Amino acid sequence: QRIRNYRMQQGLSQEKLAELSGCHPTYIGQLERGEKNATLESIDKIATALNVSLSKLFEKLGGQEAGTRDIPLECYEFLSAKTKEEQEHLYRMLLEMDKYKRK
């Protein structure tokens, strides 16, 4: 999911990311859907192609107790897949909803 979020944030297709990373487009799709486990080599190539550090790509993984949700992280990952304009629109909507809730 994170690979997909970073890819979409940069406006890259799976094919373009595959070209930049030297991986097959089908493999990129399988990774994004969780159908394949990535090798360390391919993760390094993909992170380099996305211009994202490995630590950023893996940050906060495994830090949650079993059965709990990390809502801020889920929100971040949801918003990361959106364009800047969509992010701003969603943020304004959230602020308006928060104002309404307080009344």
C-alpha atoms as a PDB file:
ATOM      1  CA  GLN A   1       0.000   0.000   0.000  1.00  0.00           C
ATOM      2  CA  ARG A   2       2.802   2.427   0.795  1.00  0.00           C
ATOM      3  CA  ILE A   3       4.474   1.871  -2.556  1.00  0.00           C
ATOM      4  CA  ARG A   4       1.177   2.669  -4.249  1.00  0.00           C
ATOM      5  CA  ASN A   5       0.699   5.800  -2.125  1.00  0.00           C
ATOM      6  CA  TYR A   6       4.162   7.157  -2.896  1.00  0.00           C
ATOM      7  CA  ARG A   7       3.793   6.252  -6.572  1.00  0.00           C
ATOM      8  CA  MET A   8       0.454   8.005  -6.897  1.00  0.00           C
ATOM      9  CA  GLN A   9       1.647  11.002  -4.900  1.00  0.00           C
ATOM     10  CA  GLN A  10       4.326  11.478  -7.550  1.00  0.00           C
ATOM     11  CA  GLY A  11       1.895  10.936 -10.412  1.00  0.00           C
ATOM     12  CA  LEU A  12       3.625   7.791 -11.664  1.00  0.00           C
ATOM     13  CA  SER A  13       1.923   4.859 -13.344  1.00  0.00           C
ATOM     14  CA  GLN A  14       2.912   1.329 -12.397  1.00  0.00           C
ATOM     15  CA  GLU A  15       4.581   1.074 -15.789  1.00  0.00           C
ATOM     16  CA  LYS A  16       6.657   4.221 -15.232  1.00  0.00           C
ATOM     17  CA  LEU A  17       7.718   3.093 -11.748  1.00  0.00           C
ATOM     18  CA  ALA A  18       8.661  -0.285 -13.220  1.00  0.00           C
ATOM     19  CA  GLU A  19      10.753   1.433 -15.878  1.00  0.00           C
ATOM     20  CA  LEU A  20      12.493   3.683 -13.333  1.00  0.00           C
ATOM     21  CA  SER A  21      13.176   0.826 -10.921  1.00  0.00           C
ATOM     22  CA  GLY A  22      14.076  -1.870 -13.430  1.00  0.00           C
ATOM     23  CA  CYS A  23      11.243  -4.111 -12.212  1.00  0.00           C
ATOM     24  CA  HIS A  24       8.431  -5.637 -14.257  1.00  0.00           C
ATOM     25  CA  PRO A  25       5.100  -3.729 -14.184  1.00  0.00           C
ATOM     26  CA  THR A  26       3.253  -6.895 -13.155  1.00  0.00           C
ATOM     27  CA  TYR A  27       5.610  -7.263 -10.191  1.00  0.00           C
ATOM     28  CA  ILE A  28       4.910  -3.671  -9.098  1.00  0.00           C
ATOM     29  CA  GLY A  29       1.169  -4.392  -9.206  1.00  0.00           C
ATOM     30  CA  GLN A  30       1.590  -7.604  -7.239  1.00  0.00           C
ATOM     31  CA  LEU A  31       3.606  -5.795  -4.565  1.00  0.00           C
ATOM     32  CA  GLU A  32       1.015  -3.051  -4.278  1.00  0.00           C
ATOM     33  CA  ARG A  33      -1.789  -5.585  -3.863  1.00  0.00           C
ATOM     34  CA  GLY A  34       0.211  -7.615  -1.347  1.00  0.00           C
ATOM     35  CA  GLU A  35       0.300 -10.660  -3.609  1.00  0.00           C
ATOM     36  CA  LYS A  36       4.105 -10.884  -3.643  1.00  0.00           C
ATOM     37  CA  ASN A  37       6.788 -10.324  -1.052  1.00  0.00           C
ATOM     38  CA  ALA A  38       9.496  -7.982  -2.239  1.00  0.00           C
ATOM     39  CA  THR A  39      13.167  -8.815  -2.190  1.00  0.00           C
ATOM     40  CA  LEU A  40      15.535  -6.401  -0.459  1.00  0.00           C
ATOM     41  CA  GLU A  41      17.063  -5.612  -3.829  1.00  0.00           C
ATOM     42  CA  SER A  42      13.729  -4.732  -5.436  1.00  0.00           C
ATOM     43  CA  ILE A  43      12.646  -2.634  -2.434  1.00  0.00           C
ATOM     44  CA  ASP A  44      15.892  -0.686  -2.689  1.00  0.00           C
ATOM     45  CA  LYS A  45      15.379  -0.127  -6.431  1.00  0.00           C
ATOM     46  CA  ILE A  46      11.762   0.964  -5.939  1.00  0.00           C
ATOM     47  CA  ALA A  47      12.615   3.299  -3.055  1.00  0.00           C
ATOM     48  CA  THR A  48      15.370   4.860  -5.170  1.00  0.00           C
ATOM     49  CA  ALA A  49      12.990   5.275  -8.121  1.00  0.00           C
ATOM     50  CA  LEU A  50      10.445   6.928  -5.811  1.00  0.00           C
ATOM     51  CA  ASN A  51      13.159   9.077  -4.221  1.00  0.00           C
ATOM     52  CA  VAL A  52      12.063   7.811  -0.796  1.00  0.00           C
ATOM     53  CA  SER A  53      14.425   6.553   1.882  1.00  0.00           C
ATOM     54  CA  LEU A  54      14.075   2.973   3.052  1.00  0.00           C
ATOM     55  CA  SER A  55      13.474   4.223   6.585  1.00  0.00           C
ATOM     56  CA  LYS A  56      10.584   6.403   5.353  1.00  0.00           C
ATOM     57  CA  LEU A  57       9.139   3.510   3.374  1.00  0.00           C
ATOM     58  CA  PHE A  58       9.158   1.257   6.454  1.00  0.00           C
ATOM     59  CA  GLU A  59       8.490   3.808   9.192  1.00  0.00           C
ATOM     60  CA  LYS A  60       5.930   2.777  11.804  1.00  0.00           C
ATOM     61  CA  LEU A  61       5.586  -0.757  10.455  1.00  0.00           C
ATOM     62  CA  GLY A  62       5.037  -3.356  13.156  1.00  0.00           C
ATOM     63  CA  GLY A  63       4.667  -0.763  15.902  1.00  0.00           C
ATOM     64  CA  GLN A  64       1.022  -1.474  16.630  1.00  0.00           C
ATOM     65  CA  GLU A  65      -0.406  -3.990  19.045  1.00  0.00           C
ATOM     66  CA  ALA A  66      -2.269  -6.817  17.367  1.00  0.00           C
ATOM     67  CA  GLY A  67      -5.876  -5.909  16.681  1.00  0.00           C
ATOM     68  CA  THR A  68      -5.431  -2.147  17.054  1.00  0.00           C
ATOM     69  CA  ARG A  69      -5.635   0.471  14.321  1.00  0.00           C
ATOM     70  CA  ASP A  70      -3.310   3.398  13.813  1.00  0.00           C
ATOM     71  CA  ILE A  71      -5.896   5.933  12.645  1.00  0.00           C
ATOM     72  CA  PRO A  72      -3.422   8.792  12.066  1.00  0.00           C
ATOM     73  CA  LEU A  73      -1.287   6.496   9.909  1.00  0.00           C
ATOM     74  CA  GLU A  74      -4.338   5.296   7.979  1.00  0.00           C
ATOM     75  CA  CYS A  75      -5.337   8.929   7.369  1.00  0.00           C
ATOM     76  CA  TYR A  76      -1.812   9.769   6.244  1.00  0.00           C
ATOM     77  CA  GLU A  77      -1.704   6.858   3.827  1.00  0.00           C
ATOM     78  CA  PHE A  78      -5.174   7.720   2.494  1.00  0.00           C
ATOM     79  CA  LEU A  79      -4.220  11.353   1.914  1.00  0.00           C
ATOM     80  CA  SER A  80      -0.824  10.478   0.461  1.00  0.00           C
ATOM     81  CA  ALA A  81      -2.535   8.825  -2.484  1.00  0.00           C
ATOM     82  CA  LYS A  82      -4.442  12.028  -3.298  1.00  0.00           C
ATOM     83  CA  THR A  83      -3.360  15.069  -5.283  1.00  0.00           C
ATOM     84  CA  LYS A  84      -2.450  18.251  -3.390  1.00  0.00           C
ATOM     85  CA  GLU A  85      -5.766  19.802  -4.454  1.00  0.00           C
ATOM     86  CA  GLU A  86      -7.717  16.798  -3.174  1.00  0.00           C
ATOM     87  CA  GLN A  87      -5.751  16.885   0.083  1.00  0.00           C
ATOM     88  CA  GLU A  88      -6.606  20.557   0.607  1.00  0.00           C
ATOM     89  CA  HIS A  89     -10.276  19.953  -0.190  1.00  0.00           C
ATOM     90  CA  LEU A  90     -10.511  17.000   2.204  1.00  0.00           C
ATOM     91  CA  TYR A  91      -8.743  18.967   4.934  1.00  0.00           C
ATOM     92  CA  ARG A  92     -11.192  21.881   4.580  1.00  0.00           C
ATOM     93  CA  MET A  93     -14.091  19.414   4.757  1.00  0.00           C
ATOM     94  CA  LEU A  94     -12.642  17.884   7.910  1.00  0.00           C
ATOM     95  CA  LEU A  95     -12.305  21.316   9.532  1.00  0.00           C
ATOM     96  CA  GLU A  96     -15.927  22.139   8.670  1.00  0.00           C
ATOM     97  CA  MET A  97     -17.117  18.826  10.090  1.00  0.00           C
ATOM     98  CA  ASP A  98     -15.167  19.501  13.272  1.00  0.00           C
ATOM     99  CA  LYS A  99     -16.803  22.949  13.617  1.00  0.00           C
ATOM    100  CA  TYR A 100     -20.251  21.417  13.156  1.00  0.00           C
ATOM    101  CA  LYS A 101     -19.545  18.757  15.775  1.00  0.00           C
ATOM    102  CA  ARG A 102     -18.661  21.419  18.350  1.00  0.00           C
ATOM    103  CA  LYS A 103     -21.994  23.261  17.988  1.00  0.00           C
END
